[in-house]
Amino acid sequence: MSEQRNLPLRRGGRIVICDYNQLLQSVTGLLRMSGFNLFQAYDGLAAEELCAQLDGIDLLVLNTLGTGIDLAVLIGNIRSRHPGMPVLHIRNSRPEGLPIDVTSLHED
């Protein structure tokens, strides 16, 4: 079951994805066709760099296994430049230290 929170997405919004999750990869094309701008990061450090270089990121999508870095640290680093950045975490379990406002979806 997922935790329900509203994520502030709008047509033309910018999404940084740091995930190799098969489900997310399958909907990437649909997100683009729906007018979202997607930026793919190979790992957590690349996601952090993208977020540092791009203005107006609307959503950061992470997977526990895809980042290669502690998620709480990664989110903290990114939010130090972009306070309150919404984060969607795709997971099998919720890692310790993840900020309470991070939306988590179970990967089934």
Protein backbone atom coordinates (compact mmCIF):
# COMPACT_ATOMS: atom_id res chain seq x y z
CA MET A 1 0.00 0.00 0.00
CA SER A 2 1.26 3.49 -0.76
CA GLU A 3 1.24 6.55 1.43
CA GLN A 4 -1.16 9.06 -0.10
CA ARG A 5 0.09 12.62 -0.57
CA ASN A 6 -0.55 15.10 -3.32
CA LEU A 7 2.48 15.71 -5.48
CA PRO A 8 2.45 19.14 -7.13
CA LEU A 9 2.79 18.17 -10.79
CA ARG A 10 1.73 20.29 -13.72
CA ARG A 11 1.94 19.84 -17.48
CA GLY A 12 5.44 20.86 -18.53
CA GLY A 13 6.79 20.06 -15.06
CA ARG A 14 10.37 18.90 -14.63
CA ILE A 15 11.04 15.50 -13.08
CA VAL A 16 14.47 14.10 -12.17
CA ILE A 17 14.41 10.30 -12.10
CA CYS A 18 17.12 8.28 -10.40
CA ASP A 19 15.79 4.80 -10.80
CA TYR A 20 16.13 1.75 -12.95
CA ASN A 21 12.80 0.38 -11.78
CA GLN A 22 11.12 -1.51 -14.61
CA LEU A 23 7.67 -0.09 -13.84
CA LEU A 24 8.89 3.51 -13.90
CA GLN A 25 10.88 2.92 -17.08
CA SER A 26 7.73 1.64 -18.75
CA VAL A 27 5.78 4.84 -17.98
CA THR A 28 8.59 7.27 -18.85
CA GLY A 29 7.32 7.57 -22.41
CA LEU A 30 3.80 8.22 -21.18
CA LEU A 31 5.03 10.97 -18.88
CA ARG A 32 6.84 12.61 -21.79
CA MET A 33 3.78 12.26 -24.03
CA SER A 34 1.76 13.92 -21.25
CA GLY A 35 3.97 16.97 -21.42
CA PHE A 36 6.45 16.36 -18.59
CA ASN A 37 10.15 17.06 -18.98
CA LEU A 38 12.15 14.11 -17.66
CA PHE A 39 15.81 14.06 -16.70
CA GLN A 40 17.36 10.64 -16.07
CA ALA A 41 20.15 10.31 -13.52
CA TYR A 42 22.39 7.24 -13.46
CA ASP A 43 22.83 7.34 -9.68
CA GLY A 44 22.34 9.55 -6.65
CA LEU A 45 25.36 11.74 -7.33
CA ALA A 46 24.17 12.38 -10.89
CA ALA A 47 20.69 13.22 -9.54
CA GLU A 48 22.22 15.67 -7.09
CA GLU A 49 24.24 17.27 -9.89
CA LEU A 50 21.18 17.56 -12.15
CA CYS A 51 19.19 19.20 -9.37
CA ALA A 52 22.06 21.63 -8.76
CA GLN A 53 22.24 22.61 -12.43
CA LEU A 54 18.55 22.75 -13.31
CA ASP A 55 16.08 25.34 -12.07
CA GLY A 56 12.45 24.57 -11.41
CA ILE A 57 12.60 20.85 -10.65
CA ASP A 58 9.09 19.82 -9.64
CA LEU A 59 9.72 16.25 -8.48
CA LEU A 60 12.60 13.93 -7.62
CA VAL A 61 11.95 10.19 -8.07
CA LEU A 62 14.26 7.76 -6.26
CA ASN A 63 14.56 4.04 -5.70
CA THR A 64 16.34 2.67 -2.64
CA LEU A 65 18.59 0.46 -4.75
CA GLY A 66 19.21 2.83 -7.63
CA THR A 67 21.00 5.69 -5.94
CA GLY A 68 24.22 4.18 -4.58
CA ILE A 69 24.14 6.70 -1.72
CA ASP A 70 22.26 7.06 1.57
CA LEU A 71 18.83 8.42 0.64
CA ALA A 72 18.45 10.69 3.66
CA VAL A 73 21.82 12.30 2.89
CA LEU A 74 20.99 12.63 -0.80
CA ILE A 75 17.61 14.24 -0.12
CA GLY A 76 19.17 16.55 2.48
CA ASN A 77 21.87 17.66 0.03
CA ILE A 78 19.34 18.37 -2.71
CA ARG A 79 16.91 20.14 -0.38
CA SER A 80 19.69 22.39 0.91
CA ARG A 81 19.54 24.01 -2.56
CA HIS A 82 15.86 23.35 -3.25
CA PRO A 83 14.00 23.54 0.08
CA GLY A 84 10.82 21.50 0.16
CA MET A 85 11.50 19.66 -3.10
CA PRO A 86 8.86 16.91 -3.42
CA VAL A 87 10.32 13.41 -3.47
CA LEU A 88 8.70 10.17 -4.59
CA HIS A 89 10.47 7.09 -3.24
CA ILE A 90 9.81 3.71 -4.90
CA ARG A 91 10.71 0.93 -2.54
CA ASN A 92 10.37 -2.50 -1.03
CA SER A 93 10.87 -1.00 2.42
CA ARG A 94 11.30 2.49 3.87
CA PRO A 95 14.94 3.25 4.80
CA GLU A 96 15.71 4.73 8.21
CA GLY A 97 16.16 8.47 8.33
CA LEU A 98 14.02 9.25 5.29
CA PRO A 99 12.22 12.58 5.83
CA ILE A 100 8.61 12.07 6.87
CA ASP A 101 7.27 14.16 3.97
CA VAL A 102 8.78 11.85 1.33
CA THR A 103 6.02 9.96 -0.48
CA SER A 104 6.78 6.24 -0.71
CA LEU A 105 5.27 3.70 -3.08
CA HIS A 106 5.71 -0.03 -2.65
CA GLU A 107 7.39 -1.78 -5.54
CA ASP A 108 5.39 -4.97 -6.01
